[in-house]
Amino acid sequence: MTLLTKSKEARIIQVGIVLYWVFFWFLNVVDKFIGEATFLWVGKDRLGQLVKYFSSIGIENDFIALNVLRLTTFLEILAFFFVLLALIYQLIGNKKRAYNLFFLGTLFGLIIFSFFSIGDQVFGDRAELLEHTTYWIALIISWGAYIYFPKAK
């Protein structure tokens, strides 16, 4: 296998990793705005879920739940924005810029899933804790693969 082939394969793997996270964050953001079942989409009422969580610990103020939802949506939009830019720079060949932007997208993802995991523990939702921990680990593995493949020659 020639170096050129390995380089192409590494680029394909990197683009695939970034593309996965672009779709992941995009669909997470869309899910925040479509909170019910519609044609070709089964949304989840995140605000209702947060209101229920906060009520379970004695906080009956819907304003707090709404602002937590706004904060997480904003962080998810930032993660999406960074990985989308990383994909664009990856495709045009600016590897350094793509690397830096994908790092920021990964960092925001880690912050988001850490935040969610803490909330899952406070609210006692072990299923969500498992899910968010799995995504946290997937981000770490994705980052490792993203930086490893160009060096695997």
N, C-alpha and C. Protein backbone atom coordinates (compact mmCIF):
# COMPACT_ATOMS: atom_id res chain seq x y z
N MET A 1 0.85 -1.17 0.00
CA MET A 1 0.00 0.00 0.00
C MET A 1 0.90 1.24 0.00
N THR A 2 0.67 2.12 -0.92
CA THR A 2 1.51 3.31 -1.03
C THR A 2 1.10 4.36 -0.02
N LEU A 3 2.01 5.28 0.20
CA LEU A 3 1.75 6.37 1.13
C LEU A 3 0.56 7.20 0.66
N LEU A 4 0.45 7.39 -0.66
CA LEU A 4 -0.66 8.15 -1.22
C LEU A 4 -1.99 7.50 -0.86
N THR A 5 -2.07 6.18 -0.98
CA THR A 5 -3.30 5.49 -0.65
C THR A 5 -3.63 5.64 0.83
N LYS A 6 -2.63 5.49 1.70
CA LYS A 6 -2.87 5.66 3.13
C LYS A 6 -3.33 7.07 3.44
N SER A 7 -2.79 8.04 2.74
CA SER A 7 -3.18 9.42 2.96
C SER A 7 -4.64 9.63 2.56
N LYS A 8 -5.04 9.05 1.45
CA LYS A 8 -6.43 9.16 1.02
C LYS A 8 -7.36 8.47 2.01
N GLU A 9 -6.95 7.31 2.47
CA GLU A 9 -7.77 6.58 3.43
C GLU A 9 -7.91 7.37 4.74
N ALA A 10 -6.81 7.96 5.19
CA ALA A 10 -6.85 8.77 6.41
C ALA A 10 -7.80 9.94 6.24
N ARG A 11 -7.76 10.58 5.09
CA ARG A 11 -8.64 11.72 4.84
C ARG A 11 -10.10 11.28 4.84
N ILE A 12 -10.38 10.13 4.23
CA ILE A 12 -11.75 9.61 4.20
C ILE A 12 -12.24 9.33 5.62
N ILE A 13 -11.39 8.72 6.43
CA ILE A 13 -11.76 8.44 7.82
C ILE A 13 -12.02 9.75 8.56
N GLN A 14 -11.13 10.72 8.42
CA GLN A 14 -11.30 12.00 9.10
C GLN A 14 -12.59 12.69 8.67
N VAL A 15 -12.84 12.74 7.38
CA VAL A 15 -14.07 13.38 6.89
C VAL A 15 -15.29 12.63 7.42
N GLY A 16 -15.23 11.31 7.44
CA GLY A 16 -16.34 10.52 7.96
C GLY A 16 -16.63 10.81 9.43
N ILE A 17 -15.57 10.94 10.23
CA ILE A 17 -15.74 11.24 11.65
C ILE A 17 -16.40 12.60 11.83
N VAL A 18 -15.88 13.60 11.13
CA VAL A 18 -16.43 14.95 11.27
C VAL A 18 -17.86 14.99 10.73
N LEU A 19 -18.11 14.33 9.62
CA LEU A 19 -19.45 14.29 9.04
C LEU A 19 -20.46 13.66 10.00
N TYR A 20 -20.06 12.60 10.68
CA TYR A 20 -20.94 11.98 11.67
C TYR A 20 -21.36 13.01 12.72
N TRP A 21 -20.38 13.75 13.27
CA TRP A 21 -20.69 14.71 14.33
C TRP A 21 -21.47 15.92 13.81
N VAL A 22 -21.27 16.27 12.54
CA VAL A 22 -22.09 17.34 11.95
C VAL A 22 -23.55 16.92 11.96
N PHE A 23 -23.84 15.72 11.48
CA PHE A 23 -25.23 15.24 11.48
C PHE A 23 -25.76 15.06 12.90
N PHE A 24 -24.92 14.54 13.78
CA PHE A 24 -25.33 14.32 15.16
C PHE A 24 -25.79 15.63 15.79
N TRP A 25 -24.95 16.66 15.74
CA TRP A 25 -25.30 17.94 16.38
C TRP A 25 -26.44 18.64 15.66
N PHE A 26 -26.47 18.54 14.34
CA PHE A 26 -27.57 19.16 13.59
C PHE A 26 -28.91 18.56 14.03
N LEU A 27 -28.99 17.23 14.08
CA LEU A 27 -30.24 16.58 14.44
C LEU A 27 -30.60 16.83 15.91
N ASN A 28 -29.60 16.97 16.77
CA ASN A 28 -29.87 17.31 18.17
C ASN A 28 -30.48 18.70 18.28
N VAL A 29 -29.98 19.63 17.50
CA VAL A 29 -30.54 20.99 17.51
C VAL A 29 -31.95 20.97 16.95
N VAL A 30 -32.16 20.27 15.84
CA VAL A 30 -33.50 20.18 15.25
C VAL A 30 -34.48 19.59 16.26
N ASP A 31 -34.02 18.58 17.01
CA ASP A 31 -34.88 17.94 18.01
C ASP A 31 -35.34 18.91 19.09
N LYS A 32 -34.56 19.94 19.37
CA LYS A 32 -34.94 20.92 20.39
C LYS A 32 -36.11 21.79 19.91
N PHE A 33 -36.23 21.94 18.59
CA PHE A 33 -37.27 22.81 18.03
C PHE A 33 -38.51 22.04 17.60
N ILE A 34 -38.38 20.72 17.41
CA ILE A 34 -39.54 19.90 17.06
C ILE A 34 -39.78 18.98 18.24
N GLY A 35 -40.62 19.40 19.15
CA GLY A 35 -40.83 18.67 20.39
C GLY A 35 -41.96 17.68 20.37
N GLU A 36 -42.38 17.29 19.20
CA GLU A 36 -43.51 16.34 19.11
C GLU A 36 -43.35 15.52 17.85
N ALA A 37 -44.17 14.49 17.72
CA ALA A 37 -44.14 13.65 16.53
C ALA A 37 -44.75 14.40 15.34
N THR A 38 -44.03 14.42 14.24
CA THR A 38 -44.50 15.01 13.00
C THR A 38 -44.19 14.03 11.87
N PHE A 39 -44.46 14.42 10.66
CA PHE A 39 -44.17 13.57 9.51
C PHE A 39 -42.66 13.32 9.43
N LEU A 40 -42.25 12.07 9.46
CA LEU A 40 -40.86 11.63 9.38
C LEU A 40 -39.98 12.09 10.55
N TRP A 41 -40.60 12.42 11.67
CA TRP A 41 -39.80 12.85 12.83
C TRP A 41 -40.58 12.56 14.11
N VAL A 42 -39.92 11.93 15.05
CA VAL A 42 -40.51 11.72 16.36
C VAL A 42 -39.67 12.52 17.35
N GLY A 43 -40.12 13.73 17.63
CA GLY A 43 -39.40 14.60 18.55
C GLY A 43 -39.69 14.24 19.99
N LYS A 44 -38.94 14.86 20.88
CA LYS A 44 -39.12 14.64 22.31
C LYS A 44 -39.32 15.99 22.96
N ASP A 45 -40.29 16.06 23.83
CA ASP A 45 -40.58 17.32 24.53
C ASP A 45 -39.53 17.54 25.61
N ARG A 46 -38.44 18.17 25.24
CA ARG A 46 -37.33 18.40 26.16
C ARG A 46 -37.72 19.35 27.29
N LEU A 47 -38.52 20.37 26.97
CA LEU A 47 -38.93 21.30 28.01
C LEU A 47 -39.78 20.58 29.06
N GLY A 48 -40.72 19.78 28.61
CA GLY A 48 -41.54 19.00 29.54
C GLY A 48 -40.69 18.06 30.39
N GLN A 49 -39.69 17.46 29.76
CA GLN A 49 -38.79 16.57 30.47
C GLN A 49 -38.02 17.33 31.55
N LEU A 50 -37.51 18.51 31.21
CA LEU A 50 -36.76 19.31 32.18
C LEU A 50 -37.65 19.82 33.31
N VAL A 51 -38.87 20.24 32.98
CA VAL A 51 -39.81 20.69 34.01
C VAL A 51 -40.05 19.55 35.00
N LYS A 52 -40.25 18.35 34.48
CA LYS A 52 -40.47 17.18 35.33
C LYS A 52 -39.24 16.89 36.20
N TYR A 53 -38.05 16.97 35.59
CA TYR A 53 -36.82 16.74 36.36
C TYR A 53 -36.70 17.73 37.52
N PHE A 54 -36.86 19.02 37.21
CA PHE A 54 -36.71 20.03 38.26
C PHE A 54 -37.80 19.90 39.32
N SER A 55 -39.00 19.54 38.90
CA SER A 55 -40.09 19.32 39.87
C SER A 55 -39.75 18.18 40.81
N SER A 56 -39.05 17.18 40.29
CA SER A 56 -38.72 16.01 41.11
C SER A 56 -37.76 16.34 42.25
N ILE A 57 -37.04 17.47 42.13
CA ILE A 57 -36.14 17.88 43.22
C ILE A 57 -36.66 19.12 43.94
N GLY A 58 -37.94 19.45 43.70
CA GLY A 58 -38.59 20.52 44.45
C GLY A 58 -38.49 21.90 43.83
N ILE A 59 -38.05 22.00 42.59
CA ILE A 59 -37.98 23.29 41.90
C ILE A 59 -39.13 23.34 40.90
N GLU A 60 -40.13 24.14 41.22
CA GLU A 60 -41.36 24.19 40.41
C GLU A 60 -41.36 25.35 39.42
N ASN A 61 -40.26 26.06 39.29
CA ASN A 61 -40.18 27.23 38.43
C ASN A 61 -39.85 26.81 36.99
N ASP A 62 -40.81 26.92 36.08
CA ASP A 62 -40.60 26.55 34.68
C ASP A 62 -39.56 27.43 33.99
N PHE A 63 -39.37 28.63 34.49
CA PHE A 63 -38.39 29.56 33.92
C PHE A 63 -36.98 28.98 33.99
N ILE A 64 -36.68 28.28 35.09
CA ILE A 64 -35.36 27.66 35.24
C ILE A 64 -35.19 26.57 34.19
N ALA A 65 -36.17 25.72 34.04
CA ALA A 65 -36.11 24.64 33.05
C ALA A 65 -35.96 25.22 31.64
N LEU A 66 -36.71 26.27 31.34
CA LEU A 66 -36.62 26.90 30.03
C LEU A 66 -35.22 27.45 29.76
N ASN A 67 -34.62 28.08 30.76
CA ASN A 67 -33.29 28.63 30.57
C ASN A 67 -32.20 27.56 30.49
N VAL A 68 -32.39 26.46 31.18
CA VAL A 68 -31.46 25.34 31.03
C VAL A 68 -31.56 24.79 29.61
N LEU A 69 -32.78 24.68 29.10
CA LEU A 69 -32.97 24.22 27.72
C LEU A 69 -32.34 25.19 26.74
N ARG A 70 -32.51 26.47 26.96
CA ARG A 70 -31.89 27.48 26.08
C ARG A 70 -30.37 27.37 26.10
N LEU A 71 -29.80 27.20 27.29
CA LEU A 71 -28.35 27.08 27.42
C LEU A 71 -27.83 25.85 26.67
N THR A 72 -28.48 24.72 26.88
CA THR A 72 -28.00 23.51 26.21
C THR A 72 -28.19 23.60 24.69
N THR A 73 -29.27 24.21 24.26
CA THR A 73 -29.48 24.39 22.82
C THR A 73 -28.39 25.29 22.24
N PHE A 74 -28.07 26.36 22.94
CA PHE A 74 -27.00 27.26 22.50
C PHE A 74 -25.66 26.51 22.40
N LEU A 75 -25.33 25.70 23.40
CA LEU A 75 -24.08 24.93 23.38
C LEU A 75 -24.07 23.92 22.24
N GLU A 76 -25.22 23.30 21.97
CA GLU A 76 -25.31 22.36 20.87
C GLU A 76 -25.18 23.06 19.52
N ILE A 77 -25.72 24.27 19.40
CA ILE A 77 -25.56 25.05 18.17
C ILE A 77 -24.08 25.38 17.97
N LEU A 78 -23.38 25.75 19.05
CA LEU A 78 -21.94 26.03 18.94
C LEU A 78 -21.17 24.79 18.52
N ALA A 79 -21.47 23.64 19.12
CA ALA A 79 -20.80 22.40 18.74
C ALA A 79 -21.05 22.11 17.25
N PHE A 80 -22.30 22.25 16.82
CA PHE A 80 -22.64 22.05 15.41
C PHE A 80 -21.87 23.00 14.51
N PHE A 81 -21.84 24.26 14.88
CA PHE A 81 -21.15 25.28 14.11
C PHE A 81 -19.66 24.94 13.95
N PHE A 82 -19.02 24.55 15.03
CA PHE A 82 -17.59 24.23 14.97
C PHE A 82 -17.30 23.00 14.13
N VAL A 83 -18.10 21.94 14.28
CA VAL A 83 -17.83 20.75 13.48
C VAL A 83 -18.20 20.96 12.01
N LEU A 84 -19.21 21.78 11.75
CA LEU A 84 -19.54 22.10 10.36
C LEU A 84 -18.39 22.86 9.70
N LEU A 85 -17.86 23.85 10.39
CA LEU A 85 -16.70 24.58 9.86
C LEU A 85 -15.50 23.66 9.70
N ALA A 86 -15.31 22.75 10.65
CA ALA A 86 -14.21 21.79 10.55
C ALA A 86 -14.37 20.94 9.29
N LEU A 87 -15.59 20.52 9.00
CA LEU A 87 -15.85 19.73 7.80
C LEU A 87 -15.52 20.54 6.54
N ILE A 88 -15.95 21.78 6.50
CA ILE A 88 -15.68 22.63 5.35
C ILE A 88 -14.18 22.79 5.14
N TYR A 89 -13.46 23.11 6.21
CA TYR A 89 -12.00 23.27 6.09
C TYR A 89 -11.31 21.95 5.77
N GLN A 90 -11.83 20.85 6.27
CA GLN A 90 -11.28 19.54 5.93
C GLN A 90 -11.42 19.27 4.44
N LEU A 91 -12.59 19.61 3.90
CA LEU A 91 -12.84 19.35 2.48
C LEU A 91 -12.01 20.25 1.56
N ILE A 92 -11.72 21.48 1.99
CA ILE A 92 -10.91 22.36 1.14
C ILE A 92 -9.42 22.19 1.38
N GLY A 93 -9.06 21.32 2.33
CA GLY A 93 -7.66 20.98 2.52
C GLY A 93 -6.90 21.79 3.54
N ASN A 94 -7.57 22.60 4.31
CA ASN A 94 -6.90 23.37 5.36
C ASN A 94 -6.94 22.54 6.65
N LYS A 95 -5.95 21.63 6.76
CA LYS A 95 -5.96 20.65 7.84
C LYS A 95 -5.79 21.29 9.22
N LYS A 96 -4.94 22.30 9.31
CA LYS A 96 -4.71 22.93 10.61
C LYS A 96 -5.98 23.60 11.13
N ARG A 97 -6.66 24.34 10.26
CA ARG A 97 -7.90 25.01 10.66
C ARG A 97 -8.97 23.97 11.00
N ALA A 98 -9.07 22.90 10.18
CA ALA A 98 -10.04 21.83 10.44
C ALA A 98 -9.76 21.18 11.79
N TYR A 99 -8.50 20.91 12.07
CA TYR A 99 -8.09 20.30 13.34
C TYR A 99 -8.53 21.18 14.51
N ASN A 100 -8.23 22.47 14.44
CA ASN A 100 -8.57 23.39 15.54
C ASN A 100 -10.09 23.49 15.74
N LEU A 101 -10.83 23.55 14.66
CA LEU A 101 -12.29 23.67 14.76
C LEU A 101 -12.92 22.37 15.25
N PHE A 102 -12.40 21.24 14.79
CA PHE A 102 -12.94 19.96 15.28
C PHE A 102 -12.61 19.78 16.75
N PHE A 103 -11.44 20.26 17.18
CA PHE A 103 -11.12 20.23 18.60
C PHE A 103 -12.14 21.03 19.40
N LEU A 104 -12.48 22.24 18.92
CA LEU A 104 -13.47 23.06 19.63
C LEU A 104 -14.84 22.37 19.67
N GLY A 105 -15.24 21.78 18.55
CA GLY A 105 -16.51 21.05 18.52
C GLY A 105 -16.50 19.88 19.50
N THR A 106 -15.37 19.18 19.56
CA THR A 106 -15.23 18.06 20.49
C THR A 106 -15.26 18.56 21.92
N LEU A 107 -14.56 19.65 22.19
CA LEU A 107 -14.53 20.23 23.53
C LEU A 107 -15.93 20.65 23.98
N PHE A 108 -16.67 21.32 23.12
CA PHE A 108 -18.04 21.71 23.46
C PHE A 108 -18.91 20.47 23.69
N GLY A 109 -18.71 19.43 22.89
CA GLY A 109 -19.45 18.19 23.09
C GLY A 109 -19.15 17.57 24.45
N LEU A 110 -17.89 17.58 24.84
CA LEU A 110 -17.51 17.03 26.15
C LEU A 110 -18.13 17.85 27.28
N ILE A 111 -18.15 19.16 27.11
CA ILE A 111 -18.77 20.03 28.11
C ILE A 111 -20.27 19.73 28.21
N ILE A 112 -20.93 19.62 27.06
CA ILE A 112 -22.36 19.34 27.02
C ILE A 112 -22.68 18.02 27.71
N PHE A 113 -21.96 16.96 27.33
CA PHE A 113 -22.27 15.65 27.89
C PHE A 113 -21.85 15.54 29.36
N SER A 114 -20.85 16.28 29.77
CA SER A 114 -20.50 16.32 31.20
C SER A 114 -21.63 17.00 31.98
N PHE A 115 -22.11 18.12 31.44
CA PHE A 115 -23.22 18.86 32.04
C PHE A 115 -24.46 17.97 32.15
N PHE A 116 -24.78 17.27 31.04
CA PHE A 116 -25.93 16.37 31.04
C PHE A 116 -25.75 15.24 32.05
N SER A 117 -24.55 14.69 32.12
CA SER A 117 -24.30 13.58 33.04
C SER A 117 -24.46 13.99 34.49
N ILE A 118 -24.00 15.19 34.82
CA ILE A 118 -24.21 15.69 36.18
C ILE A 118 -25.70 15.83 36.46
N GLY A 119 -26.43 16.40 35.51
CA GLY A 119 -27.89 16.53 35.66
C GLY A 119 -28.56 15.17 35.80
N ASP A 120 -28.12 14.19 35.01
CA ASP A 120 -28.70 12.85 35.08
C ASP A 120 -28.52 12.25 36.47
N GLN A 121 -27.37 12.51 37.08
CA GLN A 121 -27.13 11.98 38.42
C GLN A 121 -28.00 12.71 39.45
N VAL A 122 -28.09 14.04 39.34
CA VAL A 122 -28.91 14.81 40.27
C VAL A 122 -30.37 14.38 40.18
N PHE A 123 -30.86 14.19 38.95
CA PHE A 123 -32.27 13.86 38.75
C PHE A 123 -32.54 12.35 38.82
N GLY A 124 -31.50 11.55 38.96
CA GLY A 124 -31.68 10.12 39.14
C GLY A 124 -32.08 9.36 37.89
N ASP A 125 -31.74 9.89 36.71
CA ASP A 125 -32.10 9.23 35.45
C ASP A 125 -30.91 8.43 34.94
N ARG A 126 -30.83 7.17 35.37
CA ARG A 126 -29.67 6.33 35.04
C ARG A 126 -29.60 5.96 33.56
N ALA A 127 -30.74 5.83 32.90
CA ALA A 127 -30.74 5.51 31.47
C ALA A 127 -30.12 6.65 30.68
N GLU A 128 -30.50 7.88 31.00
CA GLU A 128 -29.92 9.05 30.33
C GLU A 128 -28.43 9.18 30.67
N LEU A 129 -28.07 8.84 31.91
CA LEU A 129 -26.66 8.89 32.32
C LEU A 129 -25.83 7.93 31.46
N LEU A 130 -26.33 6.73 31.24
CA LEU A 130 -25.63 5.77 30.39
C LEU A 130 -25.50 6.30 28.97
N GLU A 131 -26.57 6.87 28.46
CA GLU A 131 -26.55 7.41 27.10
C GLU A 131 -25.53 8.54 26.97
N HIS A 132 -25.58 9.49 27.89
CA HIS A 132 -24.68 10.64 27.79
C HIS A 132 -23.23 10.25 28.03
N THR A 133 -22.99 9.28 28.90
CA THR A 133 -21.63 8.78 29.12
C THR A 133 -21.11 8.08 27.86
N THR A 134 -21.97 7.34 27.20
CA THR A 134 -21.59 6.67 25.96
C THR A 134 -21.19 7.69 24.90
N TYR A 135 -21.96 8.77 24.77
CA TYR A 135 -21.60 9.81 23.80
C TYR A 135 -20.30 10.50 24.19
N TRP A 136 -20.09 10.71 25.49
CA TRP A 136 -18.84 11.33 25.97
C TRP A 136 -17.66 10.47 25.54
N ILE A 137 -17.77 9.16 25.74
CA ILE A 137 -16.70 8.24 25.35
C ILE A 137 -16.55 8.22 23.83
N ALA A 138 -17.66 8.24 23.10
CA ALA A 138 -17.61 8.26 21.63
C ALA A 138 -16.87 9.51 21.13
N LEU A 139 -17.07 10.63 21.79
CA LEU A 139 -16.34 11.85 21.41
C LEU A 139 -14.83 11.67 21.60
N ILE A 140 -14.43 11.10 22.72
CA ILE A 140 -13.02 10.88 22.99
C ILE A 140 -12.42 9.93 21.94
N ILE A 141 -13.13 8.85 21.65
CA ILE A 141 -12.65 7.90 20.65
C ILE A 141 -12.58 8.55 19.27
N SER A 142 -13.60 9.35 18.93
CA SER A 142 -13.60 10.05 17.64
C SER A 142 -12.40 10.98 17.53
N TRP A 143 -12.14 11.73 18.60
CA TRP A 143 -11.00 12.65 18.60
C TRP A 143 -9.70 11.86 18.42
N GLY A 144 -9.57 10.77 19.16
CA GLY A 144 -8.36 9.94 19.05
C GLY A 144 -8.17 9.40 17.65
N ALA A 145 -9.23 8.91 17.04
CA ALA A 145 -9.14 8.40 15.67
C ALA A 145 -8.83 9.53 14.69
N TYR A 146 -9.43 10.68 14.91
CA TYR A 146 -9.22 11.83 14.02
C TYR A 146 -7.74 12.24 14.00
N ILE A 147 -7.11 12.25 15.16
CA ILE A 147 -5.70 12.67 15.18
C ILE A 147 -4.76 11.51 14.89
N TYR A 148 -5.20 10.25 15.05
CA TYR A 148 -4.35 9.10 14.81
C TYR A 148 -4.18 8.78 13.33
N PHE A 149 -5.23 8.75 12.55
CA PHE A 149 -5.16 8.25 11.20
C PHE A 149 -4.18 8.98 10.28
N PRO A 150 -4.04 10.29 10.38
CA PRO A 150 -3.03 10.93 9.53
C PRO A 150 -1.59 10.50 9.87
N LYS A 151 -1.38 10.03 11.09
CA LYS A 151 -0.04 9.63 11.53
C LYS A 151 0.23 8.16 11.28
N ALA A 152 -0.78 7.39 10.93
CA ALA A 152 -0.65 5.93 10.74
C ALA A 152 -0.10 5.64 9.35
N LYS A 153 1.18 5.75 9.24
CA LYS A 153 1.82 5.51 7.91
C LYS A 153 2.80 4.38 7.97
